[in-house]
Protein backbone atom coordinates (compact mmCIF):
# COMPACT_ATOMS: atom_id res chain seq x y z
CA MET A 1 -4.33 -34.61 54.62
CA PRO A 2 -1.15 -32.64 53.93
CA LYS A 3 -1.17 -30.50 50.82
CA ASN A 4 1.50 -30.42 48.11
CA LYS A 5 3.46 -27.17 48.00
CA SER A 6 4.40 -25.70 44.67
CA HIS A 7 8.11 -25.05 44.11
CA SER A 8 8.58 -21.27 44.23
CA GLY A 9 11.76 -21.40 42.11
CA ALA A 10 10.03 -23.42 39.38
CA GLY A 11 7.17 -20.94 39.38
CA LYS A 12 9.56 -18.16 38.40
CA ARG A 13 11.24 -20.14 35.62
CA PHE A 14 8.37 -21.88 33.83
CA ARG A 15 4.89 -20.94 32.67
CA VAL A 16 1.98 -23.06 31.48
CA THR A 17 0.18 -22.14 28.27
CA GLY A 18 -3.56 -22.37 27.77
CA SER A 19 -3.15 -25.70 25.97
CA GLY A 20 -1.08 -27.10 28.87
CA LYS A 21 2.41 -26.89 27.38
CA ILE A 22 5.21 -25.76 29.69
CA MET A 23 7.37 -22.95 28.34
CA ARG A 24 10.93 -22.16 29.37
CA ARG A 25 13.55 -19.53 28.59
CA ARG A 26 16.62 -20.31 26.52
CA ALA A 27 20.03 -20.56 28.13
CA ASN A 28 22.94 -18.10 27.55
CA LYS A 29 20.85 -14.92 27.53
CA ASN A 30 21.47 -13.87 31.12
CA HIS A 31 24.82 -12.09 31.32
CA LEU A 32 28.09 -11.46 29.46
CA LEU A 33 26.06 -10.49 26.40
CA GLU A 34 28.52 -7.87 25.15
CA HIS A 35 30.89 -10.30 23.41
CA LYS A 36 28.16 -12.61 22.07
CA PRO A 37 27.05 -11.91 18.50
CA THR A 38 23.78 -10.02 18.17
CA LYS A 39 22.56 -12.75 15.84
CA ARG A 40 22.94 -15.28 18.65
CA THR A 41 21.26 -13.17 21.35
CA ARG A 42 18.31 -12.50 19.03
CA ARG A 43 17.96 -16.22 18.32
CA LEU A 44 17.86 -16.90 22.08
CA THR A 45 14.98 -14.45 22.64
CA GLY A 46 11.54 -15.79 23.48
CA ASP A 47 10.14 -18.88 25.14
CA VAL A 48 10.34 -22.42 23.82
CA PRO A 49 8.33 -25.49 24.87
CA LEU A 50 9.91 -27.79 27.42
CA ALA A 51 10.95 -31.30 26.32
CA PRO A 52 8.21 -33.87 27.08
CA ALA A 53 10.61 -35.90 29.23
CA ASP A 54 11.13 -32.91 31.57
CA ALA A 55 7.56 -31.59 31.42
CA LYS A 56 6.17 -34.27 33.73
CA LYS A 57 8.67 -33.40 36.48
CA ILE A 58 8.10 -29.66 36.14
CA LYS A 59 4.29 -30.04 36.21
CA LYS A 60 4.66 -31.75 39.58
CA LEU A 61 6.85 -28.91 40.89
CA LEU A 62 4.37 -26.28 39.73
CA GLY A 63 1.61 -27.93 41.71
């Protein structure tokens, strides 16, 4: 039987916690940070759990 391949791009963007939640990065923290307030860039630091509606799709991509 053919095997499912994991999506290499999804593997770089999402991680699965020990309890099975999928974590993602926040948007707007990639570039052009100089003019954004420091308060905003600090708020965007760290991972947040993925919405349950999207988690099912991403779990399939991760394999």
